[in-house]
Amino acid sequence: MHAAQLETYRNVQKATLSGRDLEAEVLSKAAYKLKHCQNNWDAPNRDELLDEALKYNQKIWTVFQAELAKPENPLSGKIKQDLLSLSAFVDKRIFEIMSFPAPEKLNAIININLNIAAGLKGSPA
């Protein structure tokens, strides 16, 4: 598929995804960005790729935090609290990786993103 056709497909896909599907897609993309960094740890542009992947993940989790903190959020208090605790862990891990990069440190965030994405899709991880 040519780049322009692929981009058109992605735009149509984004426009037709439900909220949960979109969240799952974004989390999956974030996990794959981190996995790409992990698989290419010795690449000459690793620092740039890692920085981009970590910032992408950080933005996603910041949006989740903001949505979870809204009083009108329909999730139960326990689920909100659990997700906020998880997001605090993800934030802490991102800052740890930024300070002291190591490929194995990416596993936790990759697994969290993929498991939540699978849950949002209603399928096992």
PDB file of N, CA and C in Angstrom:
ATOM      1  N   MET A   1       0.856  -1.178   0.000  1.00  0.00           N
ATOM      2  CA  MET A   1       0.000   0.000   0.000  1.00  0.00           C
ATOM      3  C   MET A   1       0.900   1.239   0.000  1.00  0.00           C
ATOM      4  N   HIS A   2       0.585   2.215  -0.799  1.00  0.00           N
ATOM      5  CA  HIS A   2       1.367   3.445  -0.854  1.00  0.00           C
ATOM      6  C   HIS A   2       1.115   4.275   0.397  1.00  0.00           C
ATOM      7  N   ALA A   3       2.051   5.145   0.714  1.00  0.00           N
ATOM      8  CA  ALA A   3       1.967   5.947   1.938  1.00  0.00           C
ATOM      9  C   ALA A   3       0.691   6.788   1.982  1.00  0.00           C
ATOM     10  N   ALA A   4       0.317   7.394   0.870  1.00  0.00           N
ATOM     11  CA  ALA A   4      -0.888   8.236   0.838  1.00  0.00           C
ATOM     12  C   ALA A   4      -2.142   7.402   1.065  1.00  0.00           C
ATOM     13  N   GLN A   5      -2.188   6.224   0.479  1.00  0.00           N
ATOM     14  CA  GLN A   5      -3.346   5.347   0.659  1.00  0.00           C
ATOM     15  C   GLN A   5      -3.428   4.858   2.103  1.00  0.00           C
ATOM     16  N   LEU A   6      -2.284   4.519   2.672  1.00  0.00           N
ATOM     17  CA  LEU A   6      -2.246   4.064   4.056  1.00  0.00           C
ATOM     18  C   LEU A   6      -2.713   5.172   4.997  1.00  0.00           C
ATOM     19  N   GLU A   7      -2.286   6.377   4.756  1.00  0.00           N
ATOM     20  CA  GLU A   7      -2.702   7.512   5.589  1.00  0.00           C
ATOM     21  C   GLU A   7      -4.196   7.768   5.459  1.00  0.00           C
ATOM     22  N   THR A   8      -4.740   7.655   4.265  1.00  0.00           N
ATOM     23  CA  THR A   8      -6.183   7.804   4.064  1.00  0.00           C
ATOM     24  C   THR A   8      -6.938   6.738   4.839  1.00  0.00           C
ATOM     25  N   TYR A   9      -6.450   5.510   4.773  1.00  0.00           N
ATOM     26  CA  TYR A   9      -7.071   4.408   5.512  1.00  0.00           C
ATOM     27  C   TYR A   9      -7.058   4.709   7.009  1.00  0.00           C
ATOM     28  N   ARG A  10      -5.932   5.156   7.516  1.00  0.00           N
ATOM     29  CA  ARG A  10      -5.830   5.469   8.951  1.00  0.00           C
ATOM     30  C   ARG A  10      -6.795   6.575   9.346  1.00  0.00           C
ATOM     31  N   ASN A  11      -6.937   7.591   8.511  1.00  0.00           N
ATOM     32  CA  ASN A  11      -7.853   8.689   8.819  1.00  0.00           C
ATOM     33  C   ASN A  11      -9.302   8.218   8.855  1.00  0.00           C
ATOM     34  N   VAL A  12      -9.676   7.361   7.921  1.00  0.00           N
ATOM     35  CA  VAL A  12     -11.037   6.812   7.911  1.00  0.00           C
ATOM     36  C   VAL A  12     -11.240   5.940   9.141  1.00  0.00           C
ATOM     37  N   GLN A  13     -10.249   5.138   9.474  1.00  0.00           N
ATOM     38  CA  GLN A  13     -10.343   4.268  10.638  1.00  0.00           C
ATOM     39  C   GLN A  13     -10.538   5.098  11.915  1.00  0.00           C
ATOM     40  N   LYS A  14      -9.782   6.171  12.066  1.00  0.00           N
ATOM     41  CA  LYS A  14      -9.920   7.031  13.244  1.00  0.00           C
ATOM     42  C   LYS A  14     -11.310   7.642  13.328  1.00  0.00           C
ATOM     43  N   ALA A  15     -11.845   8.040  12.183  1.00  0.00           N
ATOM     44  CA  ALA A  15     -13.148   8.701  12.162  1.00  0.00           C
ATOM     45  C   ALA A  15     -14.285   7.747  12.493  1.00  0.00           C
ATOM     46  N   THR A  16     -14.080   6.448  12.288  1.00  0.00           N
ATOM     47  CA  THR A  16     -15.162   5.493  12.508  1.00  0.00           C
ATOM     48  C   THR A  16     -15.014   4.680  13.797  1.00  0.00           C
ATOM     49  N   LEU A  17     -13.948   4.876  14.545  1.00  0.00           N
ATOM     50  CA  LEU A  17     -13.748   4.134  15.787  1.00  0.00           C
ATOM     51  C   LEU A  17     -14.606   4.699  16.906  1.00  0.00           C
ATOM     52  N   SER A  18     -15.108   3.807  17.769  1.00  0.00           N
ATOM     53  CA  SER A  18     -15.813   4.261  18.966  1.00  0.00           C
ATOM     54  C   SER A  18     -14.785   4.774  19.963  1.00  0.00           C
ATOM     55  N   GLY A  19     -15.250   5.398  21.034  1.00  0.00           N
ATOM     56  CA  GLY A  19     -14.341   5.919  22.053  1.00  0.00           C
ATOM     57  C   GLY A  19     -13.440   4.850  22.629  1.00  0.00           C
ATOM     58  N   ARG A  20     -14.021   3.709  22.992  1.00  0.00           N
ATOM     59  CA  ARG A  20     -13.228   2.610  23.559  1.00  0.00           C
ATOM     60  C   ARG A  20     -12.244   2.058  22.532  1.00  0.00           C
ATOM     61  N   ASP A  21     -12.688   1.901  21.297  1.00  0.00           N
ATOM     62  CA  ASP A  21     -11.801   1.391  20.257  1.00  0.00           C
ATOM     63  C   ASP A  21     -10.655   2.358  19.985  1.00  0.00           C
ATOM     64  N   LEU A  22     -10.960   3.640  20.008  1.00  0.00           N
ATOM     65  CA  LEU A  22      -9.923   4.642  19.790  1.00  0.00           C
ATOM     66  C   LEU A  22      -8.897   4.612  20.923  1.00  0.00           C
ATOM     67  N   GLU A  23      -9.387   4.514  22.165  1.00  0.00           N
ATOM     68  CA  GLU A  23      -8.474   4.423  23.297  1.00  0.00           C
ATOM     69  C   GLU A  23      -7.596   3.175  23.176  1.00  0.00           C
ATOM     70  N   ALA A  24      -8.192   2.060  22.792  1.00  0.00           N
ATOM     71  CA  ALA A  24      -7.433   0.820  22.618  1.00  0.00           C
ATOM     72  C   ALA A  24      -6.386   0.972  21.518  1.00  0.00           C
ATOM     73  N   GLU A  25      -6.767   1.608  20.429  1.00  0.00           N
ATOM     74  CA  GLU A  25      -5.848   1.819  19.313  1.00  0.00           C
ATOM     75  C   GLU A  25      -4.670   2.700  19.729  1.00  0.00           C
ATOM     76  N   VAL A  26      -4.942   3.753  20.470  1.00  0.00           N
ATOM     77  CA  VAL A  26      -3.895   4.672  20.915  1.00  0.00           C
ATOM     78  C   VAL A  26      -2.946   3.966  21.885  1.00  0.00           C
ATOM     79  N   LEU A  27      -3.492   3.185  22.812  1.00  0.00           N
ATOM     80  CA  LEU A  27      -2.649   2.443  23.751  1.00  0.00           C
ATOM     81  C   LEU A  27      -1.793   1.403  23.028  1.00  0.00           C
ATOM     82  N   SER A  28      -2.375   0.733  22.046  1.00  0.00           N
ATOM     83  CA  SER A  28      -1.612  -0.244  21.268  1.00  0.00           C
ATOM     84  C   SER A  28      -0.480   0.435  20.515  1.00  0.00           C
ATOM     85  N   LYS A  29      -0.770   1.562  19.904  1.00  0.00           N
ATOM     86  CA  LYS A  29       0.259   2.306  19.169  1.00  0.00           C
ATOM     87  C   LYS A  29       1.376   2.725  20.123  1.00  0.00           C
ATOM     88  N   ALA A  30       1.017   3.167  21.310  1.00  0.00           N
ATOM     89  CA  ALA A  30       2.019   3.582  22.301  1.00  0.00           C
ATOM     90  C   ALA A  30       2.902   2.397  22.692  1.00  0.00           C
ATOM     91  N   ALA A  31       2.281   1.239  22.892  1.00  0.00           N
ATOM     92  CA  ALA A  31       3.048   0.040  23.242  1.00  0.00           C
ATOM     93  C   ALA A  31       3.995  -0.350  22.107  1.00  0.00           C
ATOM     94  N   TYR A  32       3.509  -0.284  20.881  1.00  0.00           N
ATOM     95  CA  TYR A  32       4.342  -0.667  19.745  1.00  0.00           C
ATOM     96  C   TYR A  32       5.503   0.302  19.537  1.00  0.00           C
ATOM     97  N   LYS A  33       5.300   1.577  19.831  1.00  0.00           N
ATOM     98  CA  LYS A  33       6.404   2.534  19.753  1.00  0.00           C
ATOM     99  C   LYS A  33       7.500   2.153  20.747  1.00  0.00           C
ATOM    100  N   LEU A  34       7.095   1.797  21.956  1.00  0.00           N
ATOM    101  CA  LEU A  34       8.070   1.383  22.968  1.00  0.00           C
ATOM    102  C   LEU A  34       8.743   0.068  22.574  1.00  0.00           C
ATOM    103  N   LYS A  35       7.959  -0.871  22.055  1.00  0.00           N
ATOM    104  CA  LYS A  35       8.506  -2.164  21.641  1.00  0.00           C
ATOM    105  C   LYS A  35       9.513  -1.984  20.512  1.00  0.00           C
ATOM    106  N   HIS A  36       9.227  -1.068  19.594  1.00  0.00           N
ATOM    107  CA  HIS A  36      10.160  -0.773  18.506  1.00  0.00           C
ATOM    108  C   HIS A  36      11.485  -0.261  19.075  1.00  0.00           C
ATOM    109  N   CYS A  37      11.413   0.602  20.061  1.00  0.00           N
ATOM    110  CA  CYS A  37      12.638   1.103  20.705  1.00  0.00           C
ATOM    111  C   CYS A  37      13.395  -0.046  21.364  1.00  0.00           C
ATOM    112  N   GLN A  38      12.670  -0.886  22.051  1.00  0.00           N
ATOM    113  CA  GLN A  38      13.278  -2.014  22.750  1.00  0.00           C
ATOM    114  C   GLN A  38      13.969  -2.961  21.757  1.00  0.00           C
ATOM    115  N   ASN A  39      13.307  -3.226  20.653  1.00  0.00           N
ATOM    116  CA  ASN A  39      13.864  -4.138  19.647  1.00  0.00           C
ATOM    117  C   ASN A  39      15.029  -3.541  18.879  1.00  0.00           C
ATOM    118  N   ASN A  40      15.152  -2.211  18.906  1.00  0.00           N
ATOM    119  CA  ASN A  40      16.211  -1.511  18.171  1.00  0.00           C
ATOM    120  C   ASN A  40      17.067  -0.687  19.126  1.00  0.00           C
ATOM    121  N   TRP A  41      17.324  -1.247  20.292  1.00  0.00           N
ATOM    122  CA  TRP A  41      17.998  -0.510  21.355  1.00  0.00           C
ATOM    123  C   TRP A  41      19.371   0.026  20.938  1.00  0.00           C
ATOM    124  N   ASP A  42      20.054  -0.672  20.068  1.00  0.00           N
ATOM    125  CA  ASP A  42      21.394  -0.246  19.659  1.00  0.00           C
ATOM    126  C   ASP A  42      21.392   0.629  18.409  1.00  0.00           C
ATOM    127  N   ALA A  43      20.231   1.026  17.958  1.00  0.00           N
ATOM    128  CA  ALA A  43      20.143   1.880  16.764  1.00  0.00           C
ATOM    129  C   ALA A  43      20.767   3.244  17.052  1.00  0.00           C
ATOM    130  N   PRO A  44      21.360   3.851  16.050  1.00  0.00           N
ATOM    131  CA  PRO A  44      21.998   5.156  16.271  1.00  0.00           C
ATOM    132  C   PRO A  44      21.014   6.262  16.671  1.00  0.00           C
ATOM    133  N   ASN A  45      19.756   6.121  16.284  1.00  0.00           N
ATOM    134  CA  ASN A  45      18.749   7.137  16.612  1.00  0.00           C
ATOM    135  C   ASN A  45      17.870   6.718  17.793  1.00  0.00           C
ATOM    136  N   ARG A  46      18.354   5.774  18.601  1.00  0.00           N
ATOM    137  CA  ARG A  46      17.572   5.262  19.720  1.00  0.00           C
ATOM    138  C   ARG A  46      17.091   6.362  20.658  1.00  0.00           C
ATOM    139  N   ASP A  47      17.939   7.313  20.980  1.00  0.00           N
ATOM    140  CA  ASP A  47      17.547   8.355  21.927  1.00  0.00           C
ATOM    141  C   ASP A  47      16.350   9.154  21.415  1.00  0.00           C
ATOM    142  N   GLU A  48      16.354   9.465  20.121  1.00  0.00           N
ATOM    143  CA  GLU A  48      15.240  10.209  19.543  1.00  0.00           C
ATOM    144  C   GLU A  48      13.967   9.359  19.529  1.00  0.00           C
ATOM    145  N   LEU A  49      14.103   8.098  19.127  1.00  0.00           N
ATOM    146  CA  LEU A  49      12.943   7.199  19.100  1.00  0.00           C
ATOM    147  C   LEU A  49      12.376   6.984  20.502  1.00  0.00           C
ATOM    148  N   LEU A  50      13.265   6.792  21.466  1.00  0.00           N
ATOM    149  CA  LEU A  50      12.827   6.570  22.839  1.00  0.00           C
ATOM    150  C   LEU A  50      12.142   7.807  23.394  1.00  0.00           C
ATOM    151  N   ASP A  51      12.719   8.967  23.138  1.00  0.00           N
ATOM    152  CA  ASP A  51      12.122  10.218  23.614  1.00  0.00           C
ATOM    153  C   ASP A  51      10.721  10.395  23.032  1.00  0.00           C
ATOM    154  N   GLU A  52      10.581  10.143  21.738  1.00  0.00           N
ATOM    155  CA  GLU A  52       9.274  10.264  21.080  1.00  0.00           C
ATOM    156  C   GLU A  52       8.273   9.276  21.671  1.00  0.00           C
ATOM    157  N   ALA A  53       8.687   8.038  21.851  1.00  0.00           N
ATOM    158  CA  ALA A  53       7.793   7.005  22.388  1.00  0.00           C
ATOM    159  C   ALA A  53       7.381   7.312  23.823  1.00  0.00           C
ATOM    160  N   LEU A  54       8.316   7.751  24.639  1.00  0.00           N
ATOM    161  CA  LEU A  54       7.995   8.067  26.031  1.00  0.00           C
ATOM    162  C   LEU A  54       7.073   9.279  26.127  1.00  0.00           C
ATOM    163  N   LYS A  55       7.329  10.291  25.329  1.00  0.00           N
ATOM    164  CA  LYS A  55       6.464  11.475  25.349  1.00  0.00           C
ATOM    165  C   LYS A  55       5.056  11.141  24.841  1.00  0.00           C
ATOM    166  N   TYR A  56       4.965  10.286  23.844  1.00  0.00           N
ATOM    167  CA  TYR A  56       3.659   9.848  23.334  1.00  0.00           C
ATOM    168  C   TYR A  56       2.885   9.142  24.444  1.00  0.00           C
ATOM    169  N   ASN A  57       3.554   8.225  25.143  1.00  0.00           N
ATOM    170  CA  ASN A  57       2.926   7.516  26.251  1.00  0.00           C
ATOM    171  C   ASN A  57       2.530   8.484  27.361  1.00  0.00           C
ATOM    172  N   GLN A  58       3.386   9.415  27.656  1.00  0.00           N
ATOM    173  CA  GLN A  58       3.105  10.384  28.721  1.00  0.00           C
ATOM    174  C   GLN A  58       1.871  11.225  28.391  1.00  0.00           C
ATOM    175  N   LYS A  59       1.743  11.641  27.146  1.00  0.00           N
ATOM    176  CA  LYS A  59       0.566  12.417  26.733  1.00  0.00           C
ATOM    177  C   LYS A  59      -0.714  11.605  26.901  1.00  0.00           C
ATOM    178  N   ILE A  60      -0.667  10.345  26.482  1.00  0.00           N
ATOM    179  CA  ILE A  60      -1.849   9.482  26.598  1.00  0.00           C
ATOM    180  C   ILE A  60      -2.279   9.356  28.048  1.00  0.00           C
ATOM    181  N   TRP A  61      -1.331   9.050  28.901  1.00  0.00           N
ATOM    182  CA  TRP A  61      -1.667   8.834  30.308  1.00  0.00           C
ATOM    183  C   TRP A  61      -2.072  10.122  31.004  1.00  0.00           C
ATOM    184  N   THR A  62      -1.571  11.255  30.548  1.00  0.00           N
ATOM    185  CA  THR A  62      -2.007  12.550  31.088  1.00  0.00           C
ATOM    186  C   THR A  62      -3.469  12.805  30.723  1.00  0.00           C
ATOM    187  N   VAL A  63      -3.851  12.465  29.501  1.00  0.00           N
ATOM    188  CA  VAL A  63      -5.251  12.610  29.084  1.00  0.00           C
ATOM    189  C   VAL A  63      -6.135  11.691  29.922  1.00  0.00           C
ATOM    190  N   PHE A  64      -5.698  10.451  30.118  1.00  0.00           N
ATOM    191  CA  PHE A  64      -6.469   9.529  30.954  1.00  0.00           C
ATOM    192  C   PHE A  64      -6.639  10.086  32.366  1.00  0.00           C
ATOM    193  N   GLN A  65      -5.575  10.627  32.931  1.00  0.00           N
ATOM    194  CA  GLN A  65      -5.645  11.199  34.278  1.00  0.00           C
ATOM    195  C   GLN A  65      -6.668  12.325  34.330  1.00  0.00           C
ATOM    196  N   ALA A  66      -6.635  13.191  33.350  1.00  0.00           N
ATOM    197  CA  ALA A  66      -7.573  14.316  33.313  1.00  0.00           C
ATOM    198  C   ALA A  66      -9.011  13.823  33.196  1.00  0.00           C
ATOM    199  N   GLU A  67      -9.237  12.829  32.353  1.00  0.00           N
ATOM    200  CA  GLU A  67     -10.592  12.284  32.182  1.00  0.00           C
ATOM    201  C   GLU A  67     -11.067  11.561  33.446  1.00  0.00           C
ATOM    202  N   LEU A  68     -10.180  10.848  34.073  1.00  0.00           N
ATOM    203  CA  LEU A  68     -10.550  10.120  35.294  1.00  0.00           C
ATOM    204  C   LEU A  68     -10.862  11.067  36.451  1.00  0.00           C
ATOM    205  N   ALA A  69     -10.243  12.220  36.452  1.00  0.00           N
ATOM    206  CA  ALA A  69     -10.436  13.181  37.540  1.00  0.00           C
ATOM    207  C   ALA A  69     -11.729  13.984  37.417  1.00  0.00           C
ATOM    208  N   LYS A  70     -12.359  13.930  36.252  1.00  0.00           N
ATOM    209  CA  LYS A  70     -13.604  14.678  36.058  1.00  0.00           C
ATOM    210  C   LYS A  70     -14.726  14.073  36.896  1.00  0.00           C
ATOM    211  N   PRO A  71     -15.489  14.910  37.595  1.00  0.00           N
ATOM    212  CA  PRO A  71     -16.600  14.388  38.410  1.00  0.00           C
ATOM    213  C   PRO A  71     -17.656  13.653  37.591  1.00  0.00           C
ATOM    214  N   GLU A  72     -17.836  14.030  36.344  1.00  0.00           N
ATOM    215  CA  GLU A  72     -18.860  13.392  35.510  1.00  0.00           C
ATOM    216  C   GLU A  72     -18.380  12.081  34.869  1.00  0.00           C
ATOM    217  N   ASN A  73     -17.155  11.659  35.173  1.00  0.00           N
ATOM    218  CA  ASN A  73     -16.660  10.396  34.637  1.00  0.00           C
ATOM    219  C   ASN A  73     -17.530   9.262  35.161  1.00  0.00           C
ATOM    220  N   PRO A  74     -18.050   8.405  34.260  1.00  0.00           N
ATOM    221  CA  PRO A  74     -19.023   7.384  34.666  1.00  0.00           C
ATOM    222  C   PRO A  74     -18.434   6.164  35.380  1.00  0.00           C
ATOM    223  N   LEU A  75     -17.128   6.022  35.422  1.00  0.00           N
ATOM    224  CA  LEU A  75     -16.535   4.855  36.079  1.00  0.00           C
ATOM    225  C   LEU A  75     -16.749   4.910  37.586  1.00  0.00           C
ATOM    226  N   SER A  76     -16.781   3.742  38.196  1.00  0.00           N
ATOM    227  CA  SER A  76     -16.944   3.689  39.651  1.00  0.00           C
ATOM    228  C   SER A  76     -15.702   4.264  40.334  1.00  0.00           C
ATOM    229  N   GLY A  77     -15.888   4.680  41.569  1.00  0.00           N
ATOM    230  CA  GLY A  77     -14.788   5.272  42.328  1.00  0.00           C
ATOM    231  C   GLY A  77     -13.590   4.354  42.452  1.00  0.00           C
ATOM    232  N   LYS A  78     -13.828   3.069  42.666  1.00  0.00           N
ATOM    233  CA  LYS A  78     -12.744   2.092  42.822  1.00  0.00           C
ATOM    234  C   LYS A  78     -11.958   1.944  41.526  1.00  0.00           C
ATOM    235  N   ILE A  79     -12.665   1.839  40.421  1.00  0.00           N
ATOM    236  CA  ILE A  79     -11.982   1.700  39.130  1.00  0.00           C
ATOM    237  C   ILE A  79     -11.184   2.965  38.819  1.00  0.00           C
ATOM    238  N   LYS A  80     -11.787   4.124  39.063  1.00  0.00           N
ATOM    239  CA  LYS A  80     -11.064   5.381  38.833  1.00  0.00           C
ATOM    240  C   LYS A  80      -9.792   5.430  39.667  1.00  0.00           C
ATOM    241  N   GLN A  81      -9.912   5.078  40.945  1.00  0.00           N
ATOM    242  CA  GLN A  81      -8.758   5.119  41.836  1.00  0.00           C
ATOM    243  C   GLN A  81      -7.670   4.155  41.374  1.00  0.00           C
ATOM    244  N   ASP A  82      -8.074   2.958  40.978  1.00  0.00           N
ATOM    245  CA  ASP A  82      -7.108   1.973  40.491  1.00  0.00           C
ATOM    246  C   ASP A  82      -6.390   2.469  39.236  1.00  0.00           C
ATOM    247  N   LEU A  83      -7.153   3.055  38.309  1.00  0.00           N
ATOM    248  CA  LEU A  83      -6.545   3.570  37.074  1.00  0.00           C
ATOM    249  C   LEU A  83      -5.647   4.777  37.348  1.00  0.00           C
ATOM    250  N   LEU A  84      -6.042   5.620  38.291  1.00  0.00           N
ATOM    251  CA  LEU A  84      -5.187   6.750  38.657  1.00  0.00           C
ATOM    252  C   LEU A  84      -3.889   6.264  39.306  1.00  0.00           C
ATOM    253  N   SER A  85      -3.973   5.234  40.126  1.00  0.00           N
ATOM    254  CA  SER A  85      -2.767   4.653  40.723  1.00  0.00           C
ATOM    255  C   SER A  85      -1.867   4.054  39.637  1.00  0.00           C
ATOM    256  N   LEU A  86      -2.483   3.376  38.692  1.00  0.00           N
ATOM    257  CA  LEU A  86      -1.728   2.806  37.586  1.00  0.00           C
ATOM    258  C   LEU A  86      -1.068   3.904  36.759  1.00  0.00           C
ATOM    259  N   SER A  87      -1.783   4.988  36.523  1.00  0.00           N
ATOM    260  CA  SER A  87      -1.208   6.088  35.743  1.00  0.00           C
ATOM    261  C   SER A  87      -0.049   6.740  36.487  1.00  0.00           C
ATOM    262  N   ALA A  88      -0.127   6.802  37.814  1.00  0.00           N
ATOM    263  CA  ALA A  88       0.986   7.338  38.605  1.00  0.00           C
ATOM    264  C   ALA A  88       2.212   6.430  38.460  1.00  0.00           C
ATOM    265  N   PHE A  89       1.978   5.118  38.453  1.00  0.00           N
ATOM    266  CA  PHE A  89       3.079   4.174  38.240  1.00  0.00           C
ATOM    267  C   PHE A  89       3.697   4.385  36.858  1.00  0.00           C
ATOM    268  N   VAL A  90       2.856   4.529  35.838  1.00  0.00           N
ATOM    269  CA  VAL A  90       3.356   4.723  34.472  1.00  0.00           C
ATOM    270  C   VAL A  90       4.172   6.015  34.402  1.00  0.00           C
ATOM    271  N   ASP A  91       3.668   7.084  34.996  1.00  0.00           N
ATOM    272  CA  ASP A  91       4.422   8.347  35.024  1.00  0.00           C
ATOM    273  C   ASP A  91       5.794   8.155  35.662  1.00  0.00           C
ATOM    274  N   LYS A  92       5.797   7.501  36.809  1.00  0.00           N
ATOM    275  CA  LYS A  92       7.049   7.272  37.537  1.00  0.00           C
ATOM    276  C   LYS A  92       8.023   6.456  36.682  1.00  0.00           C
ATOM    277  N   ARG A  93       7.515   5.423  36.030  1.00  0.00           N
ATOM    278  CA  ARG A  93       8.373   4.582  35.193  1.00  0.00           C
ATOM    279  C   ARG A  93       8.913   5.367  34.002  1.00  0.00           C
ATOM    280  N   ILE A  94       8.079   6.205  33.390  1.00  0.00           N
ATOM    281  CA  ILE A  94       8.539   7.017  32.255  1.00  0.00           C
ATOM    282  C   ILE A  94       9.689   7.925  32.682  1.00  0.00           C
ATOM    283  N   PHE A  95       9.545   8.599  33.820  1.00  0.00           N
ATOM    284  CA  PHE A  95      10.615   9.479  34.294  1.00  0.00           C
ATOM    285  C   PHE A  95      11.872   8.690  34.641  1.00  0.00           C
ATOM    286  N   GLU A  96      11.695   7.500  35.180  1.00  0.00           N
ATOM    287  CA  GLU A  96      12.831   6.640  35.498  1.00  0.00           C
ATOM    288  C   GLU A  96      13.576   6.246  34.224  1.00  0.00           C
ATOM    289  N   ILE A  97      12.831   5.898  33.186  1.00  0.00           N
ATOM    290  CA  ILE A  97      13.454   5.515  31.914  1.00  0.00           C
ATOM    291  C   ILE A  97      14.142   6.713  31.275  1.00  0.00           C
ATOM    292  N   MET A  98      13.531   7.887  31.370  1.00  0.00           N
ATOM    293  CA  MET A  98      14.163   9.083  30.818  1.00  0.00           C
ATOM    294  C   MET A  98      15.501   9.352  31.504  1.00  0.00           C
ATOM    295  N   SER A  99      15.549   9.116  32.811  1.00  0.00           N
ATOM    296  CA  SER A  99      16.767   9.376  33.573  1.00  0.00           C
ATOM    297  C   SER A  99      17.818   8.285  33.403  1.00  0.00           C
ATOM    298  N   PHE A 100      17.356   7.049  33.401  1.00  0.00           N
ATOM    299  CA  PHE A 100      18.267   5.898  33.332  1.00  0.00           C
ATOM    300  C   PHE A 100      17.713   4.874  32.341  1.00  0.00           C
ATOM    301  N   PRO A 101      17.910   5.117  31.041  1.00  0.00           N
ATOM    302  CA  PRO A 101      17.326   4.236  30.027  1.00  0.00           C
ATOM    303  C   PRO A 101      17.869   2.805  30.103  1.00  0.00           C
ATOM    304  N   ALA A 102      16.956   1.861  29.981  1.00  0.00           N
ATOM    305  CA  ALA A 102      17.305   0.443  29.882  1.00  0.00           C
ATOM    306  C   ALA A 102      16.138  -0.263  29.195  1.00  0.00           C
ATOM    307  N   PRO A 103      16.427  -1.144  28.241  1.00  0.00           N
ATOM    308  CA  PRO A 103      15.345  -1.752  27.457  1.00  0.00           C
ATOM    309  C   PRO A 103      14.360  -2.557  28.295  1.00  0.00           C
ATOM    310  N   GLU A 104      14.831  -3.236  29.328  1.00  0.00           N
ATOM    311  CA  GLU A 104      13.930  -4.061  30.131  1.00  0.00           C
ATOM    312  C   GLU A 104      12.932  -3.225  30.931  1.00  0.00           C
ATOM    313  N   LYS A 105      13.247  -1.963  31.174  1.00  0.00           N
ATOM    314  CA  LYS A 105      12.330  -1.092  31.914  1.00  0.00           C
ATOM    315  C   LYS A 105      11.072  -0.768  31.104  1.00  0.00           C
ATOM    316  N   LEU A 106      11.127  -0.962  29.792  1.00  0.00           N
ATOM    317  CA  LEU A 106       9.976  -0.672  28.937  1.00  0.00           C
ATOM    318  C   LEU A 106       8.886  -1.730  29.065  1.00  0.00           C
ATOM    319  N   ASN A 107       9.252  -2.923  29.510  1.00  0.00           N
ATOM    320  CA  ASN A 107       8.292  -4.036  29.569  1.00  0.00           C
ATOM    321  C   ASN A 107       7.030  -3.702  30.345  1.00  0.00           C
ATOM    322  N   ALA A 108       7.166  -3.081  31.490  1.00  0.00           N
ATOM    323  CA  ALA A 108       5.992  -2.801  32.326  1.00  0.00           C
ATOM    324  C   ALA A 108       4.989  -1.921  31.588  1.00  0.00           C
ATOM    325  N   ILE A 109       5.460  -0.853  30.961  1.00  0.00           N
ATOM    326  CA  ILE A 109       4.551   0.060  30.270  1.00  0.00           C
ATOM    327  C   ILE A 109       3.949  -0.619  29.038  1.00  0.00           C
ATOM    328  N   ILE A 110       4.775  -1.358  28.312  1.00  0.00           N
ATOM    329  CA  ILE A 110       4.267  -2.081  27.136  1.00  0.00           C
ATOM    330  C   ILE A 110       3.143  -3.019  27.556  1.00  0.00           C
ATOM    331  N   ASN A 111       3.381  -3.801  28.596  1.00  0.00           N
ATOM    332  CA  ASN A 111       2.378  -4.774  29.053  1.00  0.00           C
ATOM    333  C   ASN A 111       1.111  -4.103  29.575  1.00  0.00           C
ATOM    334  N   ILE A 112       1.266  -3.026  30.312  1.00  0.00           N
ATOM    335  CA  ILE A 112       0.094  -2.291  30.817  1.00  0.00           C
ATOM    336  C   ILE A 112      -0.740  -1.778  29.656  1.00  0.00           C
ATOM    337  N   ASN A 113      -0.085  -1.137  28.701  1.00  0.00           N
ATOM    338  CA  ASN A 113      -0.809  -0.581  27.548  1.00  0.00           C
ATOM    339  C   ASN A 113      -1.547  -1.669  26.773  1.00  0.00           C
ATOM    340  N   LEU A 114      -0.857  -2.777  26.498  1.00  0.00           N
ATOM    341  CA  LEU A 114      -1.477  -3.843  25.709  1.00  0.00           C
ATOM    342  C   LEU A 114      -2.614  -4.521  26.470  1.00  0.00           C
ATOM    343  N   ASN A 115      -2.459  -4.711  27.769  1.00  0.00           N
ATOM    344  CA  ASN A 115      -3.520  -5.346  28.556  1.00  0.00           C
ATOM    345  C   ASN A 115      -4.754  -4.455  28.662  1.00  0.00           C
ATOM    346  N   ILE A 116      -4.555  -3.174  28.864  1.00  0.00           N
ATOM    347  CA  ILE A 116      -5.706  -2.267  28.918  1.00  0.00           C
ATOM    348  C   ILE A 116      -6.366  -2.177  27.547  1.00  0.00           C
ATOM    349  N   ALA A 117      -5.563  -2.123  26.498  1.00  0.00           N
ATOM    350  CA  ALA A 117      -6.114  -2.084  25.132  1.00  0.00           C
ATOM    351  C   ALA A 117      -6.952  -3.335  24.877  1.00  0.00           C
ATOM    352  N   ALA A 118      -6.451  -4.493  25.289  1.00  0.00           N
ATOM    353  CA  ALA A 118      -7.199  -5.735  25.101  1.00  0.00           C
ATOM    354  C   ALA A 118      -8.508  -5.700  25.879  1.00  0.00           C
ATOM    355  N   GLY A 119      -8.464  -5.168  27.092  1.00  0.00           N
ATOM    356  CA  GLY A 119      -9.684  -5.048  27.891  1.00  0.00           C
ATOM    357  C   GLY A 119     -10.694  -4.120  27.254  1.00  0.00           C
ATOM    358  N   LEU A 120     -10.224  -3.029  26.695  1.00  0.00           N
ATOM    359  CA  LEU A 120     -11.115  -2.094  26.023  1.00  0.00           C
ATOM    360  C   LEU A 120     -11.753  -2.711  24.778  1.00  0.00           C
ATOM    361  N   LYS A 121     -11.005  -3.581  24.125  1.00  0.00           N
ATOM    362  CA  LYS A 121     -11.525  -4.267  22.944  1.00  0.00           C
ATOM    363  C   LYS A 121     -12.403  -5.452  23.327  1.00  0.00           C
ATOM    364  N   GLY A 122     -12.363  -5.826  24.605  1.00  0.00           N
ATOM    365  CA  GLY A 122     -13.145  -6.963  25.055  1.00  0.00           C
ATOM    366  C   GLY A 122     -12.543  -8.291  24.663  1.00  0.00           C
ATOM    367  N   SER A 123     -11.217  -8.309  24.485  1.00  0.00           N
ATOM    368  CA  SER A 123     -10.543  -9.554  24.110  1.00  0.00           C
ATOM    369  C   SER A 123      -9.392  -9.817  25.072  1.00  0.00           C
ATOM    370  N   PRO A 124      -8.996 -11.063  25.232  1.00  0.00           N
ATOM    371  CA  PRO A 124      -7.863 -11.357  26.103  1.00  0.00           C
ATOM    372  C   PRO A 124      -6.574 -10.787  25.537  1.00  0.00           C
ATOM    373  N   ALA A 125      -5.653 -10.430  26.424  1.00  0.00           N
ATOM    374  CA  ALA A 125      -4.376  -9.836  25.996  1.00  0.00           C
ATOM    375  C   ALA A 125      -3.534 -10.835  25.233  1.00  0.00           C
TER     376      ALA A 125
END
